[in-house]
């Protein structure tokens, strides 16, 4: 399972996001997608923690919290679905 973190400040780094989530447990991975064409951050990310209970605690505390001037949207990440784009056909879809 992973956690979706939306409405991030565009200057947020993986290290900063890791630090925030580390208060709730062991962070396994942080992923901040960037725009394919510009290389700029997209304003959201994914955090994977070792225990589901740790992820749930982080969601409960951080959803709606203000951080770096933005109100965070934090919830369980949903699996990506094939949106009909031919590039994705035949590939397993994951949250990140």
Protein backbone atom coordinates (compact mmCIF):
# COMPACT_ATOMS: atom_id res chain seq x y z
CA UNK A 1 0.00 0.00 0.00
CA UNK A 2 1.11 3.54 -0.55
CA UNK A 3 -0.16 6.96 0.44
CA UNK A 4 -1.11 9.70 -2.02
CA UNK A 5 -0.08 13.21 -0.96
CA UNK A 6 -1.70 15.98 -2.97
CA UNK A 7 -1.64 19.77 -3.08
CA UNK A 8 2.08 19.85 -2.33
CA UNK A 9 4.10 23.02 -2.61
CA UNK A 10 6.09 22.74 -5.87
CA UNK A 11 9.37 23.27 -4.00
CA UNK A 12 8.95 20.19 -1.76
CA UNK A 13 11.80 17.68 -1.94
CA UNK A 14 11.76 13.94 -1.35
CA UNK A 15 13.88 14.49 1.77
CA UNK A 16 11.39 16.98 3.24
CA UNK A 17 8.42 14.71 2.58
CA UNK A 18 10.33 11.77 4.02
CA UNK A 19 11.04 13.78 7.18
CA UNK A 20 7.35 14.61 7.69
CA UNK A 21 6.18 11.02 7.24
CA UNK A 22 9.04 9.60 9.33
CA UNK A 23 7.26 11.04 12.38
CA UNK A 24 4.66 8.28 11.89
CA UNK A 25 6.98 5.34 11.18
CA UNK A 26 9.59 3.94 8.83
CA UNK A 27 9.41 5.35 5.32
CA UNK A 28 10.37 2.86 2.61
CA UNK A 29 10.01 5.10 -0.42
CA UNK A 30 9.02 8.61 -1.48
CA UNK A 31 8.16 9.38 -5.09
CA UNK A 32 7.52 12.87 -6.48
CA UNK A 33 6.47 12.69 -10.15
CA UNK A 34 7.67 15.36 -12.54
CA UNK A 35 6.14 16.64 -15.73
CA UNK A 36 7.49 14.69 -18.69
CA UNK A 37 7.97 17.75 -20.87
CA UNK A 38 9.14 20.40 -18.42
CA UNK A 39 10.73 18.29 -15.66
CA UNK A 40 8.95 20.38 -13.02
CA UNK A 41 7.21 18.82 -10.02
CA UNK A 42 3.53 18.03 -10.50
CA UNK A 43 2.38 19.01 -6.99
CA UNK A 44 1.69 15.53 -5.65
CA UNK A 45 3.58 12.46 -4.54
CA UNK A 46 3.45 9.00 -3.05
CA UNK A 47 4.88 7.69 0.21
CA UNK A 48 5.26 4.03 1.07
CA UNK A 49 5.79 3.04 4.68
CA UNK A 50 6.75 -0.29 6.25
CA UNK A 51 3.52 -0.88 8.15
CA UNK A 52 -0.04 -0.21 7.07
CA UNK A 53 -0.80 1.06 10.58
CA UNK A 54 1.93 3.70 10.14
CA UNK A 55 0.40 4.82 6.84
CA UNK A 56 -3.05 5.03 8.41
CA UNK A 57 -1.70 7.12 11.29
CA UNK A 58 -0.01 9.51 8.85
CA UNK A 59 -3.22 9.81 6.80
CA UNK A 60 -5.28 10.55 9.92
CA UNK A 61 -2.89 13.27 11.09
CA UNK A 62 -1.81 14.88 7.82
CA UNK A 63 -4.97 14.97 5.70
CA UNK A 64 -6.13 18.58 5.81
CA UNK A 65 -3.00 19.77 7.60
CA UNK A 66 -1.30 22.94 6.41
CA UNK A 67 2.31 22.50 5.35
CA UNK A 68 4.52 24.95 3.46
CA UNK A 69 1.54 27.21 2.82
CA UNK A 70 -0.68 24.48 1.32
CA UNK A 71 -3.50 22.34 2.74
CA UNK A 72 -2.47 18.73 2.17
CA UNK A 73 -4.73 16.06 0.71
CA UNK A 74 -3.53 12.71 2.07
CA UNK A 75 -5.23 9.35 1.46
CA UNK A 76 -4.61 5.77 0.38
CA UNK A 77 -3.26 5.66 -3.15
CA UNK A 78 -5.46 3.99 -5.72
CA UNK A 79 -4.05 1.70 -8.35
CA UNK A 80 -3.63 3.27 -11.73
CA UNK A 81 -6.09 2.07 -14.31
CA UNK A 82 -5.63 1.79 -18.03
CA UNK A 83 -7.21 4.92 -19.46
CA UNK A 84 -7.20 3.55 -23.00
CA UNK A 85 -3.78 4.95 -23.77
CA UNK A 86 -2.05 2.45 -26.05
CA UNK A 87 1.30 2.99 -24.30
CA UNK A 88 -0.12 1.40 -21.14
CA UNK A 89 -1.72 -1.67 -22.70
CA UNK A 90 -0.36 -4.92 -21.39
CA UNK A 91 1.51 -3.36 -18.49
CA UNK A 92 0.71 -3.88 -14.87
CA UNK A 93 -0.52 -0.63 -13.38
CA UNK A 94 0.69 0.49 -9.97
CA UNK A 95 0.25 3.55 -7.79
CA UNK A 96 3.68 4.79 -8.85
